[in-house]
Amino acid sequence: MKLYLKIWRQKDASTPGKIVDYTLDGVEGDMSFLEMLDILNEELVSKGEEPVEFDHDCREGICGTCSLQINGEPHGPDRLITTCQLHMRKFNDGDTIVIEPFRAKAFPVIKDLIVDRSAFDRIQQAGGYISVNTSGNTIDANAIPINKHAADEAMDAATCIGCGACVAACKNASAMLFTSAKVSQFALLPQGRVEAVERVQNMVRQMDLEGFGNCTNTGACEVECPKGISLTNIARMNREYLSASLKG
């Protein structure tokens, strides 16, 4: 395939960026999207040009770092996959592909297609954990009976990989789906109920401090999420937050 690429290039966070046109020939349908970018970079380096910087790590849909806006969609035209799992068979010979970083005030561009998503880390650090005394007489987690339905829902929420597609898809750049998934995975389990009040208050407070917008129930976040995290998690977090506020 011959493809026409329009890629966002930006030297650093303080330098204005722009779309740069590239033409790439010989792209095979079995290539992943990142492999296609690898080939482009090989060509650029061979010409003595600066390669396109983009985030990646596992290339197995686990780490969530390979987040790109492809033709206006987070992770591209396929569903329930990350960018690294997107194959070029989803495109046609002669297609024009626009590749940009995720856009959000809380996700500033570092260089080219790489954004700073450390805001997610700070939300997680604000309460996305369980405090456990690991010294002395510890209790095996399996000793606490957990309802199968609650365990399944908690596991579904825990599959969130923090890629940021929900933020990129939202017109308000809201992080409600991410934050609610992190709240839900603990709120549904007895181990998480001990710190439930502080957790939801602290995580929502940090989310607001990072500059993310609010949820308008559009649902684009769930549609674009590579792990299919449900909007019901947002409803659960809202209930948790209201309950925590009433408790003072």
C-alpha atoms as a PDB file:
ATOM      1  CA  MET A   1       0.000   0.000   0.000  1.00  0.00           C
ATOM      2  CA  LYS A   2       0.959   3.578  -0.577  1.00  0.00           C
ATOM      3  CA  LEU A   3      -0.128   5.900   2.205  1.00  0.00           C
ATOM      4  CA  TYR A   4      -0.141   9.636   2.681  1.00  0.00           C
ATOM      5  CA  LEU A   5       0.633  10.527   6.278  1.00  0.00           C
ATOM      6  CA  LYS A   6      -0.065  13.818   7.994  1.00  0.00           C
ATOM      7  CA  ILE A   7       1.840  13.720  11.281  1.00  0.00           C
ATOM      8  CA  TRP A   8       1.994  16.239  14.102  1.00  0.00           C
ATOM      9  CA  ARG A   9       5.601  17.366  14.637  1.00  0.00           C
ATOM     10  CA  GLN A  10       6.584  19.419  17.659  1.00  0.00           C
ATOM     11  CA  LYS A  11      10.162  19.949  18.844  1.00  0.00           C
ATOM     12  CA  ASP A  12       9.309  20.356  22.519  1.00  0.00           C
ATOM     13  CA  ALA A  13       6.610  21.534  24.900  1.00  0.00           C
ATOM     14  CA  SER A  14       7.419  25.211  24.420  1.00  0.00           C
ATOM     15  CA  THR A  15       7.680  25.181  20.621  1.00  0.00           C
ATOM     16  CA  PRO A  16       4.571  25.440  18.415  1.00  0.00           C
ATOM     17  CA  GLY A  17       3.897  22.314  16.400  1.00  0.00           C
ATOM     18  CA  LYS A  18       2.524  21.675  12.922  1.00  0.00           C
ATOM     19  CA  ILE A  19       1.299  18.925  10.629  1.00  0.00           C
ATOM     20  CA  VAL A  20       4.005  17.576   8.301  1.00  0.00           C
ATOM     21  CA  ASP A  21       3.211  15.493   5.194  1.00  0.00           C
ATOM     22  CA  TYR A  22       4.959  12.189   4.449  1.00  0.00           C
ATOM     23  CA  THR A  23       4.453   9.575   1.743  1.00  0.00           C
ATOM     24  CA  LEU A  24       5.153   5.941   2.620  1.00  0.00           C
ATOM     25  CA  ASP A  25       5.169   3.125   0.071  1.00  0.00           C
ATOM     26  CA  GLY A  26       5.324  -0.641   0.495  1.00  0.00           C
ATOM     27  CA  VAL A  27       3.104  -0.868   3.573  1.00  0.00           C
ATOM     28  CA  GLU A  28       1.718  -4.371   4.114  1.00  0.00           C
ATOM     29  CA  GLY A  29      -1.657  -5.156   5.627  1.00  0.00           C
ATOM     30  CA  ASP A  30      -0.171  -7.480   8.244  1.00  0.00           C
ATOM     31  CA  MET A  31       1.969  -4.703   9.697  1.00  0.00           C
ATOM     32  CA  SER A  32       0.891  -3.124  12.935  1.00  0.00           C
ATOM     33  CA  PHE A  33       0.398   0.636  12.985  1.00  0.00           C
ATOM     34  CA  LEU A  34       3.563   1.073  15.048  1.00  0.00           C
ATOM     35  CA  GLU A  35       5.550  -1.093  12.638  1.00  0.00           C
ATOM     36  CA  MET A  36       4.414   1.228   9.878  1.00  0.00           C
ATOM     37  CA  LEU A  37       5.766   4.165  11.892  1.00  0.00           C
ATOM     38  CA  ASP A  38       9.007   2.241  12.467  1.00  0.00           C
ATOM     39  CA  ILE A  39       9.468   1.917   8.703  1.00  0.00           C
ATOM     40  CA  LEU A  40       8.770   5.610   8.227  1.00  0.00           C
ATOM     41  CA  ASN A  41      11.378   6.438  10.859  1.00  0.00           C
ATOM     42  CA  GLU A  42      13.938   4.168   9.195  1.00  0.00           C
ATOM     43  CA  GLU A  43      13.430   6.106   5.975  1.00  0.00           C
ATOM     44  CA  LEU A  44      13.713   9.444   7.765  1.00  0.00           C
ATOM     45  CA  VAL A  45      16.902   8.435   9.570  1.00  0.00           C
ATOM     46  CA  SER A  46      18.443   7.168   6.308  1.00  0.00           C
ATOM     47  CA  LYS A  47      17.806  10.625   4.843  1.00  0.00           C
ATOM     48  CA  GLY A  48      19.389  12.313   7.841  1.00  0.00           C
ATOM     49  CA  GLU A  49      16.049  13.633   9.086  1.00  0.00           C
ATOM     50  CA  GLU A  50      14.659  13.617  12.611  1.00  0.00           C
ATOM     51  CA  PRO A  51      12.505  10.513  13.288  1.00  0.00           C
ATOM     52  CA  VAL A  52       8.952  10.863  14.570  1.00  0.00           C
ATOM     53  CA  GLU A  53       8.854  10.415  18.330  1.00  0.00           C
ATOM     54  CA  PHE A  54       6.027   8.255  19.673  1.00  0.00           C
ATOM     55  CA  ASP A  55       5.406   6.345  22.898  1.00  0.00           C
ATOM     56  CA  HIS A  56       5.455   2.543  23.012  1.00  0.00           C
ATOM     57  CA  ASP A  57       6.543  -0.265  25.304  1.00  0.00           C
ATOM     58  CA  CYS A  58       4.899  -3.692  25.392  1.00  0.00           C
ATOM     59  CA  ARG A  59       3.242  -3.569  21.937  1.00  0.00           C
ATOM     60  CA  GLU A  60       0.734  -6.116  23.269  1.00  0.00           C
ATOM     61  CA  GLY A  61      -2.138  -3.862  24.349  1.00  0.00           C
ATOM     62  CA  ILE A  62      -1.168  -4.032  28.021  1.00  0.00           C
ATOM     63  CA  CYS A  63       0.872  -0.963  28.973  1.00  0.00           C
ATOM     64  CA  GLY A  64      -1.283   1.766  27.385  1.00  0.00           C
ATOM     65  CA  THR A  65       1.661   3.935  26.305  1.00  0.00           C
ATOM     66  CA  CYS A  66       1.107   3.722  22.522  1.00  0.00           C
ATOM     67  CA  SER A  67      -1.743   6.219  22.545  1.00  0.00           C
ATOM     68  CA  LEU A  68      -2.234   8.058  19.247  1.00  0.00           C
ATOM     69  CA  GLN A  69      -5.093  10.016  17.715  1.00  0.00           C
ATOM     70  CA  ILE A  70      -5.582   8.454  14.276  1.00  0.00           C
ATOM     71  CA  ASN A  71      -7.924  10.206  11.862  1.00  0.00           C
ATOM     72  CA  GLY A  72      -9.580  11.860  14.843  1.00  0.00           C
ATOM     73  CA  GLU A  73     -10.115   8.650  16.831  1.00  0.00           C
ATOM     74  CA  PRO A  74      -8.123   7.507  19.854  1.00  0.00           C
ATOM     75  CA  HIS A  75      -6.285   4.318  18.847  1.00  0.00           C
ATOM     76  CA  GLY A  76      -7.766   4.491  15.341  1.00  0.00           C
ATOM     77  CA  PRO A  77     -10.779   3.000  13.548  1.00  0.00           C
ATOM     78  CA  ASP A  78     -10.899  -0.417  15.228  1.00  0.00           C
ATOM     79  CA  ARG A  79     -12.587  -1.163  18.563  1.00  0.00           C
ATOM     80  CA  LEU A  80     -11.361  -2.678  21.842  1.00  0.00           C
ATOM     81  CA  ILE A  81      -7.714  -2.429  20.811  1.00  0.00           C
ATOM     82  CA  THR A  82      -4.771  -0.124  21.452  1.00  0.00           C
ATOM     83  CA  THR A  83      -2.739   1.552  18.697  1.00  0.00           C
ATOM     84  CA  CYS A  84      -0.107  -1.202  18.787  1.00  0.00           C
ATOM     85  CA  GLN A  85      -2.818  -3.800  18.059  1.00  0.00           C
ATOM     86  CA  LEU A  86      -4.178  -1.856  15.078  1.00  0.00           C
ATOM     87  CA  HIS A  87      -3.182  -3.449  11.779  1.00  0.00           C
ATOM     88  CA  MET A  88      -2.734  -1.699   8.475  1.00  0.00           C
ATOM     89  CA  ARG A  89      -5.370  -3.921   6.857  1.00  0.00           C
ATOM     90  CA  LYS A  90      -7.850  -1.466   8.338  1.00  0.00           C
ATOM     91  CA  PHE A  91      -6.649   1.065   5.759  1.00  0.00           C
ATOM     92  CA  ASN A  92      -6.677   1.108   1.957  1.00  0.00           C
ATOM     93  CA  ASP A  93      -4.104   1.884  -0.685  1.00  0.00           C
ATOM     94  CA  GLY A  94      -3.937   5.632  -1.244  1.00  0.00           C
ATOM     95  CA  ASP A  95      -5.475   6.540   2.118  1.00  0.00           C
ATOM     96  CA  THR A  96      -4.533   9.727   3.918  1.00  0.00           C
ATOM     97  CA  ILE A  97      -3.928   9.133   7.621  1.00  0.00           C
ATOM     98  CA  VAL A  98      -3.774  11.996  10.115  1.00  0.00           C
ATOM     99  CA  ILE A  99      -1.719  11.106  13.199  1.00  0.00           C
ATOM    100  CA  GLU A 100      -1.766  13.368  16.245  1.00  0.00           C
ATOM    101  CA  PRO A 101      -1.057  13.152  19.973  1.00  0.00           C
ATOM    102  CA  PHE A 102      -3.898  12.908  22.467  1.00  0.00           C
ATOM    103  CA  ARG A 103      -5.298  16.402  23.010  1.00  0.00           C
ATOM    104  CA  ALA A 104      -6.042  17.609  26.540  1.00  0.00           C
ATOM    105  CA  LYS A 105      -4.939  20.444  28.798  1.00  0.00           C
ATOM    106  CA  ALA A 106      -3.838  17.857  31.350  1.00  0.00           C
ATOM    107  CA  PHE A 107      -1.840  15.948  28.693  1.00  0.00           C
ATOM    108  CA  PRO A 108       0.766  18.484  27.503  1.00  0.00           C
ATOM    109  CA  VAL A 109       2.801  17.483  24.449  1.00  0.00           C
ATOM    110  CA  ILE A 110       6.412  16.559  25.249  1.00  0.00           C
ATOM    111  CA  LYS A 111       7.588  15.989  21.672  1.00  0.00           C
ATOM    112  CA  ASP A 112       5.841  15.049  18.431  1.00  0.00           C
ATOM    113  CA  LEU A 113       3.278  12.364  19.366  1.00  0.00           C
ATOM    114  CA  ILE A 114       4.365  11.919  22.993  1.00  0.00           C
ATOM    115  CA  VAL A 115       2.281  13.498  25.752  1.00  0.00           C
ATOM    116  CA  ASP A 116       2.814  13.748  29.503  1.00  0.00           C
ATOM    117  CA  ARG A 117       0.183  11.570  31.194  1.00  0.00           C
ATOM    118  CA  SER A 118       1.658  11.820  34.685  1.00  0.00           C
ATOM    119  CA  ALA A 119      -1.640  13.439  35.753  1.00  0.00           C
ATOM    120  CA  PHE A 120      -3.064   9.903  35.815  1.00  0.00           C
ATOM    121  CA  ASP A 121      -0.252   8.810  38.120  1.00  0.00           C
ATOM    122  CA  ARG A 122      -1.036  11.609  40.563  1.00  0.00           C
ATOM    123  CA  ILE A 123      -4.736  10.681  40.594  1.00  0.00           C
ATOM    124  CA  GLN A 124      -3.759   7.090  41.351  1.00  0.00           C
ATOM    125  CA  GLN A 125      -1.362   8.204  44.086  1.00  0.00           C
ATOM    126  CA  ALA A 126      -4.125  10.254  45.695  1.00  0.00           C
ATOM    127  CA  GLY A 127      -6.057   7.151  46.703  1.00  0.00           C
ATOM    128  CA  GLY A 128      -5.880   4.294  44.209  1.00  0.00           C
ATOM    129  CA  TYR A 129      -4.475   1.774  46.653  1.00  0.00           C
ATOM    130  CA  ILE A 130      -5.252  -0.211  49.809  1.00  0.00           C
ATOM    131  CA  SER A 131      -3.211   0.329  52.980  1.00  0.00           C
ATOM    132  CA  VAL A 132      -2.140  -3.031  54.359  1.00  0.00           C
ATOM    133  CA  ASN A 133      -0.017  -3.876  57.377  1.00  0.00           C
ATOM    134  CA  THR A 134       2.447  -6.378  55.951  1.00  0.00           C
ATOM    135  CA  SER A 135       4.234  -7.021  59.228  1.00  0.00           C
ATOM    136  CA  GLY A 136       3.167  -9.377  61.969  1.00  0.00           C
ATOM    137  CA  ASN A 137       0.033 -11.507  61.584  1.00  0.00           C
ATOM    138  CA  THR A 138      -1.106 -10.946  58.015  1.00  0.00           C
ATOM    139  CA  ILE A 139      -4.358 -12.383  56.652  1.00  0.00           C
ATOM    140  CA  ASP A 140      -4.471 -14.109  53.284  1.00  0.00           C
ATOM    141  CA  ALA A 141      -6.703 -12.147  50.891  1.00  0.00           C
ATOM    142  CA  ASN A 142      -8.373 -15.381  49.808  1.00  0.00           C
ATOM    143  CA  ALA A 143      -9.681 -15.840  53.359  1.00  0.00           C
ATOM    144  CA  ILE A 144     -12.274 -13.089  52.761  1.00  0.00           C
ATOM    145  CA  PRO A 145     -15.356 -14.346  50.874  1.00  0.00           C
ATOM    146  CA  ILE A 146     -16.307 -12.121  47.924  1.00  0.00           C
ATOM    147  CA  ASN A 147     -19.482 -12.305  45.872  1.00  0.00           C
ATOM    148  CA  LYS A 148     -18.746 -13.600  42.350  1.00  0.00           C
ATOM    149  CA  HIS A 149     -20.620 -10.757  40.656  1.00  0.00           C
ATOM    150  CA  ALA A 150     -18.729  -8.125  42.664  1.00  0.00           C
ATOM    151  CA  ALA A 151     -15.407  -9.836  41.972  1.00  0.00           C
ATOM    152  CA  ASP A 152     -16.120  -9.903  38.234  1.00  0.00           C
ATOM    153  CA  GLU A 153     -17.101  -6.227  38.179  1.00  0.00           C
ATOM    154  CA  ALA A 154     -14.001  -5.281  40.164  1.00  0.00           C
ATOM    155  CA  MET A 155     -11.818  -7.202  37.723  1.00  0.00           C
ATOM    156  CA  ASP A 156     -13.518  -5.517  34.770  1.00  0.00           C
ATOM    157  CA  ALA A 157     -12.737  -2.105  36.278  1.00  0.00           C
ATOM    158  CA  ALA A 158      -9.165  -3.154  37.044  1.00  0.00           C
ATOM    159  CA  THR A 159      -8.489  -3.882  33.363  1.00  0.00           C
ATOM    160  CA  CYS A 160      -8.102  -0.128  32.763  1.00  0.00           C
ATOM    161  CA  ILE A 161      -4.562   0.424  31.446  1.00  0.00           C
ATOM    162  CA  GLY A 162      -4.543   4.208  31.869  1.00  0.00           C
ATOM    163  CA  CYS A 163      -3.939   4.929  28.179  1.00  0.00           C
ATOM    164  CA  GLY A 164      -5.976   8.143  28.191  1.00  0.00           C
ATOM    165  CA  ALA A 165      -8.270   7.302  25.256  1.00  0.00           C
ATOM    166  CA  CYS A 166     -11.263   8.275  27.380  1.00  0.00           C
ATOM    167  CA  VAL A 167      -9.808  11.749  27.873  1.00  0.00           C
ATOM    168  CA  ALA A 168      -8.909  12.133  24.191  1.00  0.00           C
ATOM    169  CA  ALA A 169     -12.392  11.046  23.087  1.00  0.00           C
ATOM    170  CA  CYS A 170     -14.254  13.379  25.453  1.00  0.00           C
ATOM    171  CA  LYS A 171     -15.217  16.847  24.253  1.00  0.00           C
ATOM    172  CA  ASN A 172     -14.497  18.089  27.784  1.00  0.00           C
ATOM    173  CA  ALA A 173     -11.272  16.069  28.160  1.00  0.00           C
ATOM    174  CA  SER A 174     -12.808  14.382  31.194  1.00  0.00           C
ATOM    175  CA  ALA A 175     -10.946  11.721  33.185  1.00  0.00           C
ATOM    176  CA  MET A 176     -14.105  10.459  34.864  1.00  0.00           C
ATOM    177  CA  LEU A 177     -13.939   7.001  33.245  1.00  0.00           C
ATOM    178  CA  PHE A 178     -10.324   6.455  34.277  1.00  0.00           C
ATOM    179  CA  THR A 179     -10.832   7.728  37.823  1.00  0.00           C
ATOM    180  CA  SER A 180     -14.083   5.840  38.296  1.00  0.00           C
ATOM    181  CA  ALA A 181     -12.466   2.589  37.150  1.00  0.00           C
ATOM    182  CA  LYS A 182      -9.731   3.028  39.750  1.00  0.00           C
ATOM    183  CA  VAL A 183     -12.305   3.862  42.420  1.00  0.00           C
ATOM    184  CA  SER A 184     -14.597   0.970  41.443  1.00  0.00           C
ATOM    185  CA  GLN A 185     -11.975  -1.757  41.511  1.00  0.00           C
ATOM    186  CA  PHE A 186     -11.620  -1.124  45.257  1.00  0.00           C
ATOM    187  CA  ALA A 187     -15.146   0.038  46.116  1.00  0.00           C
ATOM    188  CA  LEU A 188     -16.556  -3.316  44.996  1.00  0.00           C
ATOM    189  CA  LEU A 189     -14.320  -5.324  47.311  1.00  0.00           C
ATOM    190  CA  PRO A 190     -14.436  -5.583  51.134  1.00  0.00           C
ATOM    191  CA  GLN A 191     -10.703  -4.808  51.315  1.00  0.00           C
ATOM    192  CA  GLY A 192     -11.398  -1.445  49.694  1.00  0.00           C
ATOM    193  CA  ARG A 193     -14.285  -0.350  51.880  1.00  0.00           C
ATOM    194  CA  VAL A 194     -12.053   0.636  54.834  1.00  0.00           C
ATOM    195  CA  GLU A 195     -10.634   3.682  53.028  1.00  0.00           C
ATOM    196  CA  ALA A 196     -13.561   4.205  50.619  1.00  0.00           C
ATOM    197  CA  VAL A 197     -14.549   7.676  51.866  1.00  0.00           C
ATOM    198  CA  GLU A 198     -11.053   9.159  51.736  1.00  0.00           C
ATOM    199  CA  ARG A 199     -10.232   7.417  48.465  1.00  0.00           C
ATOM    200  CA  VAL A 200     -13.056   8.809  46.342  1.00  0.00           C
ATOM    201  CA  GLN A 201     -12.768  12.311  47.797  1.00  0.00           C
ATOM    202  CA  ASN A 202      -9.010  12.490  47.306  1.00  0.00           C
ATOM    203  CA  MET A 203      -9.010  11.020  43.799  1.00  0.00           C
ATOM    204  CA  VAL A 204     -11.810  13.268  42.550  1.00  0.00           C
ATOM    205  CA  ARG A 205     -10.113  16.289  44.122  1.00  0.00           C
ATOM    206  CA  GLN A 206      -6.835  15.445  42.382  1.00  0.00           C
ATOM    207  CA  MET A 207      -8.634  14.851  39.090  1.00  0.00           C
ATOM    208  CA  ASP A 208     -10.085  18.356  39.263  1.00  0.00           C
ATOM    209  CA  LEU A 209      -6.721  19.861  40.240  1.00  0.00           C
ATOM    210  CA  GLU A 210      -5.112  18.328  37.151  1.00  0.00           C
ATOM    211  CA  GLY A 211      -7.453  20.342  34.924  1.00  0.00           C
ATOM    212  CA  PHE A 212      -9.624  17.582  33.474  1.00  0.00           C
ATOM    213  CA  GLY A 213     -13.158  18.547  32.420  1.00  0.00           C
ATOM    214  CA  ASN A 214     -16.394  17.158  33.764  1.00  0.00           C
ATOM    215  CA  CYS A 215     -18.503  14.331  32.347  1.00  0.00           C
ATOM    216  CA  THR A 216     -21.472  15.160  30.092  1.00  0.00           C
ATOM    217  CA  ASN A 217     -22.605  11.529  29.610  1.00  0.00           C
ATOM    218  CA  THR A 218     -21.809  11.560  25.893  1.00  0.00           C
ATOM    219  CA  GLY A 219     -20.421   8.029  26.127  1.00  0.00           C
ATOM    220  CA  ALA A 220     -17.532   8.516  23.693  1.00  0.00           C
ATOM    221  CA  CYS A 221     -15.110   7.403  26.414  1.00  0.00           C
ATOM    222  CA  GLU A 222     -16.633   3.922  26.682  1.00  0.00           C
ATOM    223  CA  VAL A 223     -16.784   3.544  22.894  1.00  0.00           C
ATOM    224  CA  GLU A 224     -13.101   4.383  22.413  1.00  0.00           C
ATOM    225  CA  CYS A 225     -11.784   2.585  25.500  1.00  0.00           C
ATOM    226  CA  PRO A 226      -9.565  -0.327  24.366  1.00  0.00           C
ATOM    227  CA  LYS A 227     -10.649  -2.353  27.399  1.00  0.00           C
ATOM    228  CA  GLY A 228     -14.359  -1.537  27.187  1.00  0.00           C
ATOM    229  CA  ILE A 229     -14.554   0.084  30.631  1.00  0.00           C
ATOM    230  CA  SER A 230     -18.246   0.717  31.306  1.00  0.00           C
ATOM    231  CA  LEU A 231     -19.957   4.032  32.062  1.00  0.00           C
ATOM    232  CA  THR A 232     -21.555   2.307  35.056  1.00  0.00           C
ATOM    233  CA  ASN A 233     -18.256   2.917  36.841  1.00  0.00           C
ATOM    234  CA  ILE A 234     -18.851   6.677  36.591  1.00  0.00           C
ATOM    235  CA  ALA A 235     -22.302   6.237  38.123  1.00  0.00           C
ATOM    236  CA  ARG A 236     -20.744   4.166  40.912  1.00  0.00           C
ATOM    237  CA  MET A 237     -18.094   6.798  41.593  1.00  0.00           C
ATOM    238  CA  ASN A 238     -20.765   9.508  41.744  1.00  0.00           C
ATOM    239  CA  ARG A 239     -22.670   7.470  44.322  1.00  0.00           C
ATOM    240  CA  GLU A 240     -19.478   6.865  46.296  1.00  0.00           C
ATOM    241  CA  TYR A 241     -18.644  10.578  46.205  1.00  0.00           C
ATOM    242  CA  LEU A 242     -22.140  11.633  47.302  1.00  0.00           C
ATOM    243  CA  SER A 243     -22.098   9.120  50.145  1.00  0.00           C
ATOM    244  CA  ALA A 244     -18.632  10.268  51.237  1.00  0.00           C
ATOM    245  CA  SER A 245     -19.737  13.925  51.159  1.00  0.00           C
ATOM    246  CA  LEU A 246     -22.760  13.187  53.352  1.00  0.00           C
ATOM    247  CA  LYS A 247     -20.557  11.402  55.865  1.00  0.00           C
ATOM    248  CA  GLY A 248     -18.482  14.559  56.087  1.00  0.00           C
END
